[in-house]
PDB file of all heavy atoms in Angstrom:
ATOM      1  N   HIS A   1     -42.794 -26.756 120.662  1.00  0.00           N
ATOM      2  CA  HIS A   1     -41.692 -26.497 119.720  1.00  0.00           C
ATOM      3  C   HIS A   1     -42.200 -26.329 118.298  1.00  0.00           C
ATOM      4  O   HIS A   1     -41.702 -25.472 117.551  1.00  0.00           O
ATOM      5  CB  HIS A   1     -40.628 -27.588 119.821  1.00  0.00           C
ATOM      6  CG  HIS A   1     -39.836 -27.498 121.079  1.00  0.00           C
ATOM      7  ND1 HIS A   1     -38.871 -26.538 121.279  1.00  0.00           N
ATOM      8  CD2 HIS A   1     -39.904 -28.216 122.225  1.00  0.00           C
ATOM      9  CE1 HIS A   1     -38.362 -26.678 122.479  1.00  0.00           C
ATOM     10  NE2 HIS A   1     -38.966 -27.687 123.078  1.00  0.00           N
ATOM     11  N   ALA A   2     -43.195 -27.120 117.915  1.00  0.00           N
ATOM     12  CA  ALA A   2     -43.777 -26.988 116.566  1.00  0.00           C
ATOM     13  C   ALA A   2     -44.447 -25.630 116.415  1.00  0.00           C
ATOM     14  O   ALA A   2     -44.309 -24.962 115.390  1.00  0.00           O
ATOM     15  CB  ALA A   2     -44.782 -28.120 116.305  1.00  0.00           C
ATOM     16  N   PHE A   3     -45.183 -25.185 117.450  1.00  0.00           N
ATOM     17  CA  PHE A   3     -45.822 -23.874 117.407  1.00  0.00           C
ATOM     18  C   PHE A   3     -44.777 -22.773 117.316  1.00  0.00           C
ATOM     19  O   PHE A   3     -44.927 -21.821 116.555  1.00  0.00           O
ATOM     20  CB  PHE A   3     -46.710 -23.662 118.630  1.00  0.00           C
ATOM     21  CG  PHE A   3     -47.250 -22.258 118.717  1.00  0.00           C
ATOM     22  CD1 PHE A   3     -48.253 -21.844 117.850  1.00  0.00           C
ATOM     23  CD2 PHE A   3     -46.746 -21.359 119.631  1.00  0.00           C
ATOM     24  CE1 PHE A   3     -48.738 -20.540 117.903  1.00  0.00           C
ATOM     25  CE2 PHE A   3     -47.225 -20.062 119.693  1.00  0.00           C
ATOM     26  CZ  PHE A   3     -48.226 -19.654 118.822  1.00  0.00           C
ATOM     27  N   SER A   4     -43.699 -22.890 118.074  1.00  0.00           N
ATOM     28  CA  SER A   4     -42.632 -21.901 118.052  1.00  0.00           C
ATOM     29  C   SER A   4     -42.011 -21.787 116.659  1.00  0.00           C
ATOM     30  O   SER A   4     -41.782 -20.685 116.157  1.00  0.00           O
ATOM     31  CB  SER A   4     -41.560 -22.264 119.084  1.00  0.00           C
ATOM     32  OG  SER A   4     -40.541 -21.293 119.118  1.00  0.00           O
ATOM     33  N   ARG A   5     -41.756 -22.934 116.023  1.00  0.00           N
ATOM     34  CA  ARG A   5     -41.201 -22.922 114.657  1.00  0.00           C
ATOM     35  C   ARG A   5     -42.187 -22.285 113.686  1.00  0.00           C
ATOM     36  O   ARG A   5     -41.799 -21.491 112.826  1.00  0.00           O
ATOM     37  CB  ARG A   5     -40.855 -24.340 114.213  1.00  0.00           C
ATOM     38  CG  ARG A   5     -39.581 -24.877 114.828  1.00  0.00           C
ATOM     39  CD  ARG A   5     -39.132 -26.183 114.183  1.00  0.00           C
ATOM     40  NE  ARG A   5     -40.166 -27.214 114.162  1.00  0.00           N
ATOM     41  CZ  ARG A   5     -40.408 -28.052 115.161  1.00  0.00           C
ATOM     42  NH1 ARG A   5     -39.692 -27.996 116.271  1.00  0.00           N
ATOM     43  NH2 ARG A   5     -41.354 -28.968 115.054  1.00  0.00           N
ATOM     44  N   PHE A   6     -43.468 -22.619 113.822  1.00  0.00           N
ATOM     45  CA  PHE A   6     -44.485 -22.038 112.945  1.00  0.00           C
ATOM     46  C   PHE A   6     -44.540 -20.522 113.120  1.00  0.00           C
ATOM     47  O   PHE A   6     -44.520 -19.777 112.141  1.00  0.00           O
ATOM     48  CB  PHE A   6     -45.866 -22.641 113.228  1.00  0.00           C
ATOM     49  CG  PHE A   6     -46.978 -21.887 112.582  1.00  0.00           C
ATOM     50  CD1 PHE A   6     -47.199 -22.001 111.205  1.00  0.00           C
ATOM     51  CD2 PHE A   6     -47.803 -21.040 113.307  1.00  0.00           C
ATOM     52  CE1 PHE A   6     -48.217 -21.285 110.578  1.00  0.00           C
ATOM     53  CE2 PHE A   6     -48.815 -20.329 112.699  1.00  0.00           C
ATOM     54  CZ  PHE A   6     -49.026 -20.451 111.335  1.00  0.00           C
ATOM     55  N   LEU A   7     -44.600 -20.050 114.366  1.00  0.00           N
ATOM     56  CA  LEU A   7     -44.699 -18.613 114.619  1.00  0.00           C
ATOM     57  C   LEU A   7     -43.471 -17.884 114.093  1.00  0.00           C
ATOM     58  O   LEU A   7     -43.590 -16.827 113.464  1.00  0.00           O
ATOM     59  CB  LEU A   7     -44.878 -18.355 116.120  1.00  0.00           C
ATOM     60  CG  LEU A   7     -45.179 -16.915 116.515  1.00  0.00           C
ATOM     61  CD1 LEU A   7     -46.474 -16.430 115.865  1.00  0.00           C
ATOM     62  CD2 LEU A   7     -45.268 -16.800 118.031  1.00  0.00           C
ATOM     63  N   SER A   8     -42.288 -18.434 114.310  1.00  0.00           N
ATOM     64  CA  SER A   8     -41.058 -17.820 113.792  1.00  0.00           C
ATOM     65  C   SER A   8     -41.102 -17.716 112.271  1.00  0.00           C
ATOM     66  O   SER A   8     -40.797 -16.668 111.702  1.00  0.00           O
ATOM     67  CB  SER A   8     -39.830 -18.648 114.186  1.00  0.00           C
ATOM     68  OG  SER A   8     -39.634 -18.611 115.569  1.00  0.00           O
ATOM     69  N   SER A   9     -41.474 -18.801 111.626  1.00  0.00           N
ATOM     70  CA  SER A   9     -41.535 -18.812 110.151  1.00  0.00           C
ATOM     71  C   SER A   9     -42.591 -17.855 109.634  1.00  0.00           C
ATOM     72  O   SER A   9     -42.368 -17.133 108.659  1.00  0.00           O
ATOM     73  CB  SER A   9     -41.842 -20.232 109.656  1.00  0.00           C
ATOM     74  OG  SER A   9     -40.806 -21.111 110.006  1.00  0.00           O
ATOM     75  N   LEU A  10     -43.754 -17.847 110.273  1.00  0.00           N
ATOM     76  CA  LEU A  10     -44.847 -16.971 109.850  1.00  0.00           C
ATOM     77  C   LEU A  10     -44.439 -15.508 109.927  1.00  0.00           C
ATOM     78  O   LEU A  10     -44.583 -14.758 108.964  1.00  0.00           O
ATOM     79  CB  LEU A  10     -46.090 -17.220 110.696  1.00  0.00           C
ATOM     80  CG  LEU A  10     -47.263 -16.256 110.469  1.00  0.00           C
ATOM     81  CD1 LEU A  10     -47.810 -16.397 109.060  1.00  0.00           C
ATOM     82  CD2 LEU A  10     -48.344 -16.492 111.504  1.00  0.00           C
ATOM     83  N   LEU A  11     -43.926 -15.086 111.072  1.00  0.00           N
ATOM     84  CA  LEU A  11     -43.598 -13.676 111.258  1.00  0.00           C
ATOM     85  C   LEU A  11     -42.431 -13.224 110.390  1.00  0.00           C
ATOM     86  O   LEU A  11     -42.347 -12.046 110.032  1.00  0.00           O
ATOM     87  CB  LEU A  11     -43.330 -13.385 112.734  1.00  0.00           C
ATOM     88  CG  LEU A  11     -44.554 -13.540 113.643  1.00  0.00           C
ATOM     89  CD1 LEU A  11     -44.167 -13.344 115.092  1.00  0.00           C
ATOM     90  CD2 LEU A  11     -45.664 -12.580 113.247  1.00  0.00           C
ATOM     91  N   ALA A  12     -41.555 -14.142 110.027  1.00  0.00           N
ATOM     92  CA  ALA A  12     -40.399 -13.786 109.197  1.00  0.00           C
ATOM     93  C   ALA A  12     -40.684 -13.898 107.697  1.00  0.00           C
ATOM     94  O   ALA A  12     -39.870 -13.454 106.890  1.00  0.00           O
ATOM     95  CB  ALA A  12     -39.214 -14.665 109.567  1.00  0.00           C
ATOM     96  N   ALA A  13     -41.819 -14.467 107.314  1.00  0.00           N
ATOM     97  CA  ALA A  13     -42.120 -14.707 105.901  1.00  0.00           C
ATOM     98  C   ALA A  13     -42.500 -13.409 105.191  1.00  0.00           C
ATOM     99  O   ALA A  13     -43.551 -12.835 105.468  1.00  0.00           O
ATOM    100  CB  ALA A  13     -43.257 -15.722 105.767  1.00  0.00           C
ATOM    101  N   PRO A  14     -41.668 -12.950 104.240  1.00  0.00           N
ATOM    102  CA  PRO A  14     -41.967 -11.703 103.547  1.00  0.00           C
ATOM    103  C   PRO A  14     -43.149 -11.814 102.587  1.00  0.00           C
ATOM    104  O   PRO A  14     -43.763 -10.811 102.249  1.00  0.00           O
ATOM    105  CB  PRO A  14     -40.676 -11.399 102.786  1.00  0.00           C
ATOM    106  CG  PRO A  14     -40.040 -12.727 102.596  1.00  0.00           C
ATOM    107  CD  PRO A  14     -40.406 -13.538 103.804  1.00  0.00           C
ATOM    108  N   HIS A  15     -43.479 -13.023 102.175  1.00  0.00           N
ATOM    109  CA  HIS A  15     -44.565 -13.214 101.213  1.00  0.00           C
ATOM    110  C   HIS A  15     -45.927 -13.381 101.878  1.00  0.00           C
ATOM    111  O   HIS A  15     -46.931 -13.562 101.200  1.00  0.00           O
ATOM    112  CB  HIS A  15     -44.261 -14.423 100.323  1.00  0.00           C
ATOM    113  CG  HIS A  15     -44.231 -15.712 101.085  1.00  0.00           C
ATOM    114  ND1 HIS A  15     -43.164 -16.079 101.869  1.00  0.00           N
ATOM    115  CD2 HIS A  15     -45.128 -16.702 101.193  1.00  0.00           C
ATOM    116  CE1 HIS A  15     -43.409 -17.241 102.414  1.00  0.00           C
ATOM    117  NE2 HIS A  15     -44.608 -17.648 102.030  1.00  0.00           N
ATOM    118  N   VAL A  16     -45.966 -13.312 103.224  1.00  0.00           N
ATOM    119  CA  VAL A  16     -47.220 -13.436 103.945  1.00  0.00           C
ATOM    120  C   VAL A  16     -47.486 -12.110 104.661  1.00  0.00           C
ATOM    121  O   VAL A  16     -46.702 -11.685 105.503  1.00  0.00           O
ATOM    122  CB  VAL A  16     -47.171 -14.580 104.977  1.00  0.00           C
ATOM    123  CG1 VAL A  16     -48.493 -14.683 105.736  1.00  0.00           C
ATOM    124  CG2 VAL A  16     -46.832 -15.913 104.312  1.00  0.00           C
ATOM    125  N   VAL A  17     -48.589 -11.469 104.311  1.00  0.00           N
ATOM    126  CA  VAL A  17     -48.996 -10.229 104.959  1.00  0.00           C
ATOM    127  C   VAL A  17     -49.782 -10.589 106.219  1.00  0.00           C
ATOM    128  O   VAL A  17     -50.760 -11.332 106.146  1.00  0.00           O
ATOM    129  CB  VAL A  17     -49.867  -9.366 104.013  1.00  0.00           C
ATOM    130  CG1 VAL A  17     -50.395  -8.134 104.737  1.00  0.00           C
ATOM    131  CG2 VAL A  17     -49.074  -8.980 102.770  1.00  0.00           C
ATOM    132  N   LYS A  18     -49.314 -10.115 107.376  1.00  0.00           N
ATOM    133  CA  LYS A  18     -49.951 -10.402 108.640  1.00  0.00           C
ATOM    134  C   LYS A  18     -50.726  -9.169 109.098  1.00  0.00           C
ATOM    135  O   LYS A  18     -50.162  -8.087 109.179  1.00  0.00           O
ATOM    136  CB  LYS A  18     -48.910 -10.766 109.713  1.00  0.00           C
ATOM    137  CG  LYS A  18     -48.349 -12.177 109.640  1.00  0.00           C
ATOM    138  CD  LYS A  18     -47.365 -12.440 108.547  1.00  0.00           C
ATOM    139  CE  LYS A  18     -46.050 -11.710 108.680  1.00  0.00           C
ATOM    140  NZ  LYS A  18     -45.089 -12.014 107.618  1.00  0.00           N
ATOM    141  N   LEU A  19     -52.020  -9.336 109.391  1.00  0.00           N
ATOM    142  CA  LEU A  19     -52.876  -8.248 109.831  1.00  0.00           C
ATOM    143  C   LEU A  19     -53.426  -8.569 111.217  1.00  0.00           C
ATOM    144  O   LEU A  19     -53.729  -9.719 111.507  1.00  0.00           O
ATOM    145  CB  LEU A  19     -54.068  -8.067 108.898  1.00  0.00           C
ATOM    146  CG  LEU A  19     -53.805  -7.656 107.466  1.00  0.00           C
ATOM    147  CD1 LEU A  19     -55.100  -7.680 106.676  1.00  0.00           C
ATOM    148  CD2 LEU A  19     -53.185  -6.285 107.432  1.00  0.00           C
ATOM    149  N   GLY A  20     -53.581  -7.536 112.029  1.00  0.00           N
ATOM    150  CA  GLY A  20     -54.196  -7.727 113.327  1.00  0.00           C
ATOM    151  C   GLY A  20     -54.629  -6.395 113.903  1.00  0.00           C
ATOM    152  O   GLY A  20     -54.130  -5.349 113.496  1.00  0.00           O
ATOM    153  N   PHE A  21     -55.544  -6.442 114.824  1.00  0.00           N
ATOM    154  CA  PHE A  21     -56.003  -5.244 115.531  1.00  0.00           C
ATOM    155  C   PHE A  21     -55.160  -5.137 116.788  1.00  0.00           C
ATOM    156  O   PHE A  21     -55.196  -6.025 117.634  1.00  0.00           O
ATOM    157  CB  PHE A  21     -57.492  -5.364 115.874  1.00  0.00           C
ATOM    158  CG  PHE A  21     -58.054  -4.138 116.514  1.00  0.00           C
ATOM    159  CD1 PHE A  21     -58.462  -3.074 115.727  1.00  0.00           C
ATOM    160  CD2 PHE A  21     -58.152  -4.030 117.886  1.00  0.00           C
ATOM    161  CE1 PHE A  21     -58.975  -1.924 116.308  1.00  0.00           C
ATOM    162  CE2 PHE A  21     -58.673  -2.894 118.474  1.00  0.00           C
ATOM    163  CZ  PHE A  21     -59.074  -1.830 117.687  1.00  0.00           C
ATOM    164  N   GLN A  22     -54.391  -4.061 116.907  1.00  0.00           N
ATOM    165  CA  GLN A  22     -53.419  -3.885 117.980  1.00  0.00           C
ATOM    166  C   GLN A  22     -52.499  -5.096 118.065  1.00  0.00           C
ATOM    167  O   GLN A  22     -52.265  -5.690 119.115  1.00  0.00           O
ATOM    168  CB  GLN A  22     -54.121  -3.591 119.315  1.00  0.00           C
ATOM    169  CG  GLN A  22     -54.911  -2.294 119.245  1.00  0.00           C
ATOM    170  CD  GLN A  22     -55.596  -1.915 120.546  1.00  0.00           C
ATOM    171  OE1 GLN A  22     -55.869  -2.750 121.386  1.00  0.00           O
ATOM    172  NE2 GLN A  22     -55.869  -0.635 120.691  1.00  0.00           N
ATOM    173  N   LEU A  23     -51.946  -5.446 116.913  1.00  0.00           N
ATOM    174  CA  LEU A  23     -51.126  -6.646 116.741  1.00  0.00           C
ATOM    175  C   LEU A  23     -49.898  -6.649 117.645  1.00  0.00           C
ATOM    176  O   LEU A  23     -49.546  -7.682 118.210  1.00  0.00           O
ATOM    177  CB  LEU A  23     -50.712  -6.775 115.265  1.00  0.00           C
ATOM    178  CG  LEU A  23     -49.918  -8.005 114.881  1.00  0.00           C
ATOM    179  CD1 LEU A  23     -50.666  -9.286 115.224  1.00  0.00           C
ATOM    180  CD2 LEU A  23     -49.581  -7.969 113.391  1.00  0.00           C
ATOM    181  N   ALA A  24     -49.242  -5.527 117.806  1.00  0.00           N
ATOM    182  CA  ALA A  24     -48.058  -5.468 118.660  1.00  0.00           C
ATOM    183  C   ALA A  24     -48.389  -5.884 120.091  1.00  0.00           C
ATOM    184  O   ALA A  24     -47.638  -6.612 120.726  1.00  0.00           O
ATOM    185  CB  ALA A  24     -47.444  -4.069 118.640  1.00  0.00           C
ATOM    186  N   GLY A  25     -49.531  -5.444 120.570  1.00  0.00           N
ATOM    187  CA  GLY A  25     -49.956  -5.819 121.919  1.00  0.00           C
ATOM    188  C   GLY A  25     -50.231  -7.307 122.040  1.00  0.00           C
ATOM    189  O   GLY A  25     -49.870  -7.940 123.040  1.00  0.00           O
ATOM    190  N   ASP A  26     -50.868  -7.880 121.027  1.00  0.00           N
ATOM    191  CA  ASP A  26     -51.128  -9.322 121.041  1.00  0.00           C
ATOM    192  C   ASP A  26     -49.826 -10.103 121.038  1.00  0.00           C
ATOM    193  O   ASP A  26     -49.667 -11.089 121.765  1.00  0.00           O
ATOM    194  CB  ASP A  26     -51.982  -9.725 119.839  1.00  0.00           C
ATOM    195  CG  ASP A  26     -53.477  -9.504 120.063  1.00  0.00           C
ATOM    196  OD1 ASP A  26     -53.854  -8.941 121.114  1.00  0.00           O
ATOM    197  OD2 ASP A  26     -54.252  -9.883 119.170  1.00  0.00           O
TER     198      ASP A  26
END
């Protein structure tokens, strides 16, 4: 549940730029 809350907050945070290689697939 803590990981789920973190992931939700991270992906929704407009002030955090998320980068990944083929990120949608991951």
